[in-house]
Amino acid sequence: MDYFIIIVTTAVGLYFHWWLYRRIRQWSDRDLALSLAEGDTAKRAYMLEQLASAQREGVRRRDLPAWLQAAAADYRASEG
């Protein structure tokens, strides 16, 4: 019975750490997109859409900042 408790507790702890890691990554990606919006509400919605698009397209996490910066530049180009 002791081994069962240790195994279950370890499994739950590992799952919780994995879940927390994923949430922090999501929050940091969202914060990156919102920081590029520069306080503009319309651009904020646009950048969140672009973040969702990047996730659907499978943009690698290391390429995400450059991808979002290019999307922000495209927004400025289409705006003016």
PDB file of N, CA and C in Angstrom:
ATOM      1  N   MET A   1       0.822  -1.190   0.000  1.00  0.00           N
ATOM      2  CA  MET A   1       0.000   0.000   0.000  1.00  0.00           C
ATOM      3  C   MET A   1       0.872   1.262   0.000  1.00  0.00           C
ATOM      4  N   ASP A   2       2.007   1.215   0.661  1.00  0.00           N
ATOM      5  CA  ASP A   2       2.888   2.379   0.694  1.00  0.00           C
ATOM      6  C   ASP A   2       3.411   2.721  -0.698  1.00  0.00           C
ATOM      7  N   TYR A   3       3.755   1.702  -1.470  1.00  0.00           N
ATOM      8  CA  TYR A   3       4.253   1.944  -2.823  1.00  0.00           C
ATOM      9  C   TYR A   3       3.178   2.572  -3.699  1.00  0.00           C
ATOM     10  N   PHE A   4       1.951   2.152  -3.532  1.00  0.00           N
ATOM     11  CA  PHE A   4       0.841   2.711  -4.299  1.00  0.00           C
ATOM     12  C   PHE A   4       0.707   4.202  -4.018  1.00  0.00           C
ATOM     13  N   ILE A   5       0.762   4.594  -2.773  1.00  0.00           N
ATOM     14  CA  ILE A   5       0.648   6.008  -2.401  1.00  0.00           C
ATOM     15  C   ILE A   5       1.806   6.804  -2.992  1.00  0.00           C
ATOM     16  N   ILE A   6       3.000   6.257  -2.945  1.00  0.00           N
ATOM     17  CA  ILE A   6       4.168   6.953  -3.503  1.00  0.00           C
ATOM     18  C   ILE A   6       4.030   7.110  -5.008  1.00  0.00           C
ATOM     19  N   ILE A   7       3.589   6.067  -5.683  1.00  0.00           N
ATOM     20  CA  ILE A   7       3.429   6.123  -7.146  1.00  0.00           C
ATOM     21  C   ILE A   7       2.358   7.128  -7.532  1.00  0.00           C
ATOM     22  N   VAL A   8       1.221   7.100  -6.865  1.00  0.00           N
ATOM     23  CA  VAL A   8       0.133   8.027  -7.190  1.00  0.00           C
ATOM     24  C   VAL A   8       0.553   9.466  -6.904  1.00  0.00           C
ATOM     25  N   THR A   9       1.178   9.702  -5.767  1.00  0.00           N
ATOM     26  CA  THR A   9       1.618  11.055  -5.417  1.00  0.00           C
ATOM     27  C   THR A   9       2.655  11.570  -6.407  1.00  0.00           C
ATOM     28  N   THR A  10       3.567  10.735  -6.817  1.00  0.00           N
ATOM     29  CA  THR A  10       4.578  11.125  -7.795  1.00  0.00           C
ATOM     30  C   THR A  10       3.937  11.445  -9.140  1.00  0.00           C
ATOM     31  N   ALA A  11       3.002  10.605  -9.566  1.00  0.00           N
ATOM     32  CA  ALA A  11       2.323  10.834 -10.846  1.00  0.00           C
ATOM     33  C   ALA A  11       1.535  12.142 -10.821  1.00  0.00           C
ATOM     34  N   VAL A  12       0.827  12.392  -9.745  1.00  0.00           N
ATOM     35  CA  VAL A  12       0.052  13.630  -9.634  1.00  0.00           C
ATOM     36  C   VAL A  12       0.988  14.838  -9.611  1.00  0.00           C
ATOM     37  N   GLY A  13       2.093  14.744  -8.904  1.00  0.00           N
ATOM     38  CA  GLY A  13       3.057  15.836  -8.851  1.00  0.00           C
ATOM     39  C   GLY A  13       3.665  16.127 -10.206  1.00  0.00           C
ATOM     40  N   LEU A  14       4.015  15.082 -10.951  1.00  0.00           N
ATOM     41  CA  LEU A  14       4.580  15.271 -12.288  1.00  0.00           C
ATOM     42  C   LEU A  14       3.560  15.901 -13.233  1.00  0.00           C
ATOM     43  N   TYR A  15       2.320  15.442 -13.154  1.00  0.00           N
ATOM     44  CA  TYR A  15       1.268  16.017 -13.991  1.00  0.00           C
ATOM     45  C   TYR A  15       1.069  17.490 -13.655  1.00  0.00           C
ATOM     46  N   PHE A  16       1.032  17.820 -12.377  1.00  0.00           N
ATOM     47  CA  PHE A  16       0.843  19.213 -11.971  1.00  0.00           C
ATOM     48  C   PHE A  16       1.980  20.089 -12.484  1.00  0.00           C
ATOM     49  N   HIS A  17       3.206  19.629 -12.395  1.00  0.00           N
ATOM     50  CA  HIS A  17       4.336  20.414 -12.888  1.00  0.00           C
ATOM     51  C   HIS A  17       4.273  20.592 -14.400  1.00  0.00           C
ATOM     52  N   TRP A  18       3.886  19.545 -15.122  1.00  0.00           N
ATOM     53  CA  TRP A  18       3.724  19.646 -16.572  1.00  0.00           C
ATOM     54  C   TRP A  18       2.642  20.662 -16.910  1.00  0.00           C
ATOM     55  N   TRP A  19       1.497  20.573 -16.206  1.00  0.00           N
ATOM     56  CA  TRP A  19       0.382  21.479 -16.453  1.00  0.00           C
ATOM     57  C   TRP A  19       0.795  22.918 -16.163  1.00  0.00           C
ATOM     58  N   LEU A  20       1.481  23.153 -15.059  1.00  0.00           N
ATOM     59  CA  LEU A  20       1.922  24.489 -14.688  1.00  0.00           C
ATOM     60  C   LEU A  20       2.924  25.038 -15.713  1.00  0.00           C
ATOM     61  N   TYR A  21       3.831  24.218 -16.184  1.00  0.00           N
ATOM     62  CA  TYR A  21       4.803  24.612 -17.203  1.00  0.00           C
ATOM     63  C   TYR A  21       4.080  25.058 -18.478  1.00  0.00           C
ATOM     64  N   ARG A  22       3.094  24.290 -18.903  1.00  0.00           N
ATOM     65  CA  ARG A  22       2.340  24.642 -20.114  1.00  0.00           C
ATOM     66  C   ARG A  22       1.591  25.957 -19.939  1.00  0.00           C
ATOM     67  N   ARG A  23       0.966  26.162 -18.776  1.00  0.00           N
ATOM     68  CA  ARG A  23       0.237  27.400 -18.515  1.00  0.00           C
ATOM     69  C   ARG A  23       1.172  28.606 -18.529  1.00  0.00           C
ATOM     70  N   ILE A  24       2.328  28.488 -17.922  1.00  0.00           N
ATOM     71  CA  ILE A  24       3.280  29.598 -17.900  1.00  0.00           C
ATOM     72  C   ILE A  24       3.745  29.923 -19.314  1.00  0.00           C
ATOM     73  N   ARG A  25       3.973  28.899 -20.129  1.00  0.00           N
ATOM     74  CA  ARG A  25       4.343  29.143 -21.534  1.00  0.00           C
ATOM     75  C   ARG A  25       3.232  29.870 -22.274  1.00  0.00           C
ATOM     76  N   GLN A  26       1.981  29.473 -22.054  1.00  0.00           N
ATOM     77  CA  GLN A  26       0.853  30.147 -22.694  1.00  0.00           C
ATOM     78  C   GLN A  26       0.765  31.603 -22.254  1.00  0.00           C
ATOM     79  N   TRP A  27       0.928  31.837 -20.962  1.00  0.00           N
ATOM     80  CA  TRP A  27       0.859  33.202 -20.447  1.00  0.00           C
ATOM     81  C   TRP A  27       1.972  34.060 -21.024  1.00  0.00           C
ATOM     82  N   SER A  28       3.174  33.513 -21.115  1.00  0.00           N
ATOM     83  CA  SER A  28       4.287  34.315 -21.633  1.00  0.00           C
ATOM     84  C   SER A  28       4.106  34.601 -23.128  1.00  0.00           C
ATOM     85  N   ASP A  29       3.573  33.652 -23.887  1.00  0.00           N
ATOM     86  CA  ASP A  29       3.298  33.898 -25.306  1.00  0.00           C
ATOM     87  C   ASP A  29       2.232  34.980 -25.468  1.00  0.00           C
ATOM     88  N   ARG A  30       1.204  34.905 -24.640  1.00  0.00           N
ATOM     89  CA  ARG A  30       0.136  35.909 -24.688  1.00  0.00           C
ATOM     90  C   ARG A  30       0.674  37.278 -24.293  1.00  0.00           C
ATOM     91  N   ASP A  31       1.501  37.328 -23.273  1.00  0.00           N
ATOM     92  CA  ASP A  31       2.087  38.595 -22.855  1.00  0.00           C
ATOM     93  C   ASP A  31       2.963  39.191 -23.958  1.00  0.00           C
ATOM     94  N   LEU A  32       3.684  38.349 -24.668  1.00  0.00           N
ATOM     95  CA  LEU A  32       4.501  38.827 -25.777  1.00  0.00           C
ATOM     96  C   LEU A  32       3.627  39.463 -26.846  1.00  0.00           C
ATOM     97  N   ALA A  33       2.553  38.787 -27.210  1.00  0.00           N
ATOM     98  CA  ALA A  33       1.654  39.324 -28.233  1.00  0.00           C
ATOM     99  C   ALA A  33       1.032  40.636 -27.777  1.00  0.00           C
ATOM    100  N   LEU A  34       0.631  40.714 -26.510  1.00  0.00           N
ATOM    101  CA  LEU A  34       0.004  41.932 -26.017  1.00  0.00           C
ATOM    102  C   LEU A  34       1.006  43.071 -25.880  1.00  0.00           C
ATOM    103  N   SER A  35       2.250  42.758 -25.584  1.00  0.00           N
ATOM    104  CA  SER A  35       3.257  43.819 -25.487  1.00  0.00           C
ATOM    105  C   SER A  35       3.514  44.448 -26.853  1.00  0.00           C
ATOM    106  N   LEU A  36       3.364  43.679 -27.903  1.00  0.00           N
ATOM    107  CA  LEU A  36       3.549  44.219 -29.249  1.00  0.00           C
ATOM    108  C   LEU A  36       2.344  45.035 -29.713  1.00  0.00           C
ATOM    109  N   ALA A  37       1.231  44.943 -28.988  1.00  0.00           N
ATOM    110  CA  ALA A  37       0.040  45.706 -29.339  1.00  0.00           C
ATOM    111  C   ALA A  37       0.156  47.169 -28.936  1.00  0.00           C
ATOM    112  N   GLU A  38       1.070  47.483 -28.050  1.00  0.00           N
ATOM    113  CA  GLU A  38       1.375  48.860 -27.656  1.00  0.00           C
ATOM    114  C   GLU A  38       0.163  49.617 -27.119  1.00  0.00           C
ATOM    115  N   GLY A  39      -0.734  48.925 -26.439  1.00  0.00           N
ATOM    116  CA  GLY A  39      -1.867  49.586 -25.792  1.00  0.00           C
ATOM    117  C   GLY A  39      -3.052  49.890 -26.696  1.00  0.00           C
ATOM    118  N   ASP A  40      -2.957  49.627 -27.970  1.00  0.00           N
ATOM    119  CA  ASP A  40      -4.039  49.868 -28.917  1.00  0.00           C
ATOM    120  C   ASP A  40      -5.014  48.694 -28.846  1.00  0.00           C
ATOM    121  N   THR A  41      -6.288  48.976 -28.579  1.00  0.00           N
ATOM    122  CA  THR A  41      -7.249  47.888 -28.395  1.00  0.00           C
ATOM    123  C   THR A  41      -7.493  47.107 -29.687  1.00  0.00           C
ATOM    124  N   ALA A  42      -7.543  47.796 -30.809  1.00  0.00           N
ATOM    125  CA  ALA A  42      -7.745  47.097 -32.080  1.00  0.00           C
ATOM    126  C   ALA A  42      -6.533  46.223 -32.406  1.00  0.00           C
ATOM    127  N   LYS A  43      -5.349  46.769 -32.156  1.00  0.00           N
ATOM    128  CA  LYS A  43      -4.130  46.007 -32.422  1.00  0.00           C
ATOM    129  C   LYS A  43      -4.002  44.842 -31.446  1.00  0.00           C
ATOM    130  N   ARG A  44      -4.516  45.023 -30.234  1.00  0.00           N
ATOM    131  CA  ARG A  44      -4.494  43.938 -29.244  1.00  0.00           C
ATOM    132  C   ARG A  44      -5.291  42.733 -29.762  1.00  0.00           C
ATOM    133  N   ALA A  45      -6.493  42.992 -30.254  1.00  0.00           N
ATOM    134  CA  ALA A  45      -7.311  41.910 -30.805  1.00  0.00           C
ATOM    135  C   ALA A  45      -6.615  41.269 -32.003  1.00  0.00           C
ATOM    136  N   TYR A  46      -6.019  42.100 -32.846  1.00  0.00           N
ATOM    137  CA  TYR A  46      -5.298  41.592 -34.015  1.00  0.00           C
ATOM    138  C   TYR A  46      -4.140  40.696 -33.597  1.00  0.00           C
ATOM    139  N   MET A  47      -3.367  41.129 -32.603  1.00  0.00           N
ATOM    140  CA  MET A  47      -2.204  40.354 -32.173  1.00  0.00           C
ATOM    141  C   MET A  47      -2.620  39.037 -31.525  1.00  0.00           C
ATOM    142  N   LEU A  48      -3.721  39.034 -30.786  1.00  0.00           N
ATOM    143  CA  LEU A  48      -4.205  37.776 -30.211  1.00  0.00           C
ATOM    144  C   LEU A  48      -4.672  36.815 -31.310  1.00  0.00           C
ATOM    145  N   GLU A  49      -5.269  37.368 -32.364  1.00  0.00           N
ATOM    146  CA  GLU A  49      -5.641  36.537 -33.511  1.00  0.00           C
ATOM    147  C   GLU A  49      -4.402  35.969 -34.188  1.00  0.00           C
ATOM    148  N   GLN A  50      -3.368  36.793 -34.305  1.00  0.00           N
ATOM    149  CA  GLN A  50      -2.130  36.335 -34.928  1.00  0.00           C
ATOM    150  C   GLN A  50      -1.443  35.261 -34.082  1.00  0.00           C
ATOM    151  N   LEU A  51      -1.516  35.401 -32.766  1.00  0.00           N
ATOM    152  CA  LEU A  51      -0.959  34.378 -31.880  1.00  0.00           C
ATOM    153  C   LEU A  51      -1.692  33.056 -32.078  1.00  0.00           C
ATOM    154  N   ALA A  52      -3.007  33.116 -32.148  1.00  0.00           N
ATOM    155  CA  ALA A  52      -3.789  31.896 -32.383  1.00  0.00           C
ATOM    156  C   ALA A  52      -3.452  31.300 -33.751  1.00  0.00           C
ATOM    157  N   SER A  53      -3.268  32.160 -34.736  1.00  0.00           N
ATOM    158  CA  SER A  53      -2.899  31.697 -36.067  1.00  0.00           C
ATOM    159  C   SER A  53      -1.527  31.021 -36.055  1.00  0.00           C
ATOM    160  N   ALA A  54      -0.588  31.614 -35.347  1.00  0.00           N
ATOM    161  CA  ALA A  54       0.755  31.024 -35.253  1.00  0.00           C
ATOM    162  C   ALA A  54       0.702  29.665 -34.576  1.00  0.00           C
ATOM    163  N   GLN A  55      -0.128  29.529 -33.566  1.00  0.00           N
ATOM    164  CA  GLN A  55      -0.250  28.248 -32.879  1.00  0.00           C
ATOM    165  C   GLN A  55      -0.887  27.203 -33.787  1.00  0.00           C
ATOM    166  N   ARG A  56      -1.884  27.615 -34.583  1.00  0.00           N
ATOM    167  CA  ARG A  56      -2.512  26.677 -35.531  1.00  0.00           C
ATOM    168  C   ARG A  56      -1.530  26.238 -36.610  1.00  0.00           C
ATOM    169  N   GLU A  57      -0.692  27.170 -37.063  1.00  0.00           N
ATOM    170  CA  GLU A  57       0.280  26.869 -38.114  1.00  0.00           C
ATOM    171  C   GLU A  57       1.474  26.084 -37.601  1.00  0.00           C
ATOM    172  N   GLY A  58       1.606  26.002 -36.290  1.00  0.00           N
ATOM    173  CA  GLY A  58       2.709  25.245 -35.720  1.00  0.00           C
ATOM    174  C   GLY A  58       4.033  25.981 -35.720  1.00  0.00           C
ATOM    175  N   VAL A  59       3.985  27.300 -35.569  1.00  0.00           N
ATOM    176  CA  VAL A  59       5.222  28.087 -35.498  1.00  0.00           C
ATOM    177  C   VAL A  59       5.982  27.662 -34.249  1.00  0.00           C
ATOM    178  N   ARG A  60       7.253  27.372 -34.417  1.00  0.00           N
ATOM    179  CA  ARG A  60       8.072  26.941 -33.273  1.00  0.00           C
ATOM    180  C   ARG A  60       8.186  28.077 -32.267  1.00  0.00           C
ATOM    181  N   ARG A  61       8.297  27.709 -31.026  1.00  0.00           N
ATOM    182  CA  ARG A  61       8.327  28.699 -29.952  1.00  0.00           C
ATOM    183  C   ARG A  61       9.524  29.647 -30.085  1.00  0.00           C
ATOM    184  N   ARG A  62      10.648  29.146 -30.514  1.00  0.00           N
ATOM    185  CA  ARG A  62      11.821  30.029 -30.657  1.00  0.00           C
ATOM    186  C   ARG A  62      11.645  31.002 -31.817  1.00  0.00           C
ATOM    187  N   ASP A  63      10.796  30.669 -32.790  1.00  0.00           N
ATOM    188  CA  ASP A  63      10.536  31.549 -33.923  1.00  0.00           C
ATOM    189  C   ASP A  63       9.358  32.487 -33.682  1.00  0.00           C
ATOM    190  N   LEU A  64       8.639  32.266 -32.601  1.00  0.00           N
ATOM    191  CA  LEU A  64       7.420  33.029 -32.334  1.00  0.00           C
ATOM    192  C   LEU A  64       7.662  34.531 -32.166  1.00  0.00           C
ATOM    193  N   PRO A  65       8.673  34.981 -31.423  1.00  0.00           N
ATOM    194  CA  PRO A  65       8.863  36.439 -31.299  1.00  0.00           C
ATOM    195  C   PRO A  65       9.051  37.136 -32.647  1.00  0.00           C
ATOM    196  N   ALA A  66       9.873  36.576 -33.513  1.00  0.00           N
ATOM    197  CA  ALA A  66      10.085  37.187 -34.830  1.00  0.00           C
ATOM    198  C   ALA A  66       8.801  37.141 -35.660  1.00  0.00           C
ATOM    199  N   TRP A  67       8.070  36.046 -35.546  1.00  0.00           N
ATOM    200  CA  TRP A  67       6.822  35.892 -36.297  1.00  0.00           C
ATOM    201  C   TRP A  67       5.808  36.940 -35.850  1.00  0.00           C
ATOM    202  N   LEU A  68       5.704  37.141 -34.539  1.00  0.00           N
ATOM    203  CA  LEU A  68       4.759  38.132 -34.025  1.00  0.00           C
ATOM    204  C   LEU A  68       5.209  39.554 -34.348  1.00  0.00           C
ATOM    205  N   GLN A  69       6.502  39.812 -34.344  1.00  0.00           N
ATOM    206  CA  GLN A  69       6.994  41.141 -34.703  1.00  0.00           C
ATOM    207  C   GLN A  69       6.682  41.447 -36.173  1.00  0.00           C
ATOM    208  N   ALA A  70       6.816  40.444 -37.018  1.00  0.00           N
ATOM    209  CA  ALA A  70       6.467  40.632 -38.428  1.00  0.00           C
ATOM    210  C   ALA A  70       4.970  40.904 -38.579  1.00  0.00           C
ATOM    211  N   ALA A  71       4.151  40.211 -37.787  1.00  0.00           N
ATOM    212  CA  ALA A  71       2.703  40.441 -37.830  1.00  0.00           C
ATOM    213  C   ALA A  71       2.375  41.848 -37.346  1.00  0.00           C
ATOM    214  N   ALA A  72       3.070  42.315 -36.316  1.00  0.00           N
ATOM    215  CA  ALA A  72       2.851  43.677 -35.819  1.00  0.00           C
ATOM    216  C   ALA A  72       3.253  44.697 -36.881  1.00  0.00           C
ATOM    217  N   ALA A  73       4.337  44.435 -37.596  1.00  0.00           N
ATOM    218  CA  ALA A  73       4.769  45.335 -38.669  1.00  0.00           C
ATOM    219  C   ALA A  73       3.750  45.339 -39.802  1.00  0.00           C
ATOM    220  N   ASP A  74       3.173  44.178 -40.113  1.00  0.00           N
ATOM    221  CA  ASP A  74       2.139  44.110 -41.146  1.00  0.00           C
ATOM    222  C   ASP A  74       0.909  44.910 -40.744  1.00  0.00           C
ATOM    223  N   TYR A  75       0.598  44.907 -39.465  1.00  0.00           N
ATOM    224  CA  TYR A  75      -0.539  45.693 -38.976  1.00  0.00           C
ATOM    225  C   TYR A  75      -0.285  47.177 -39.198  1.00  0.00           C
ATOM    226  N   ARG A  76       0.918  47.628 -38.872  1.00  0.00           N
ATOM    227  CA  ARG A  76       1.272  49.041 -39.077  1.00  0.00           C
ATOM    228  C   ARG A  76       1.252  49.409 -40.553  1.00  0.00           C
ATOM    229  N   ALA A  77       1.715  48.496 -41.398  1.00  0.00           N
ATOM    230  CA  ALA A  77       1.761  48.759 -42.834  1.00  0.00           C
ATOM    231  C   ALA A  77       0.339  48.865 -43.411  1.00  0.00           C
ATOM    232  N   SER A  78      -0.557  47.998 -42.953  1.00  0.00           N
ATOM    233  CA  SER A  78      -1.913  48.020 -43.471  1.00  0.00           C
ATOM    234  C   SER A  78      -2.722  49.162 -42.869  1.00  0.00           C
ATOM    235  N   GLU A  79      -2.277  49.660 -41.704  1.00  0.00           N
ATOM    236  CA  GLU A  79      -2.979  50.738 -41.026  1.00  0.00           C
ATOM    237  C   GLU A  79      -2.739  52.084 -41.717  1.00  0.00           C
ATOM    238  N   GLY A  80      -1.495  52.305 -42.126  1.00  0.00           N
ATOM    239  CA  GLY A  80      -1.140  53.632 -42.652  1.00  0.00           C
ATOM    240  C   GLY A  80      -1.059  53.686 -44.083  1.00  0.00           C
TER     241      GLY A  80
END
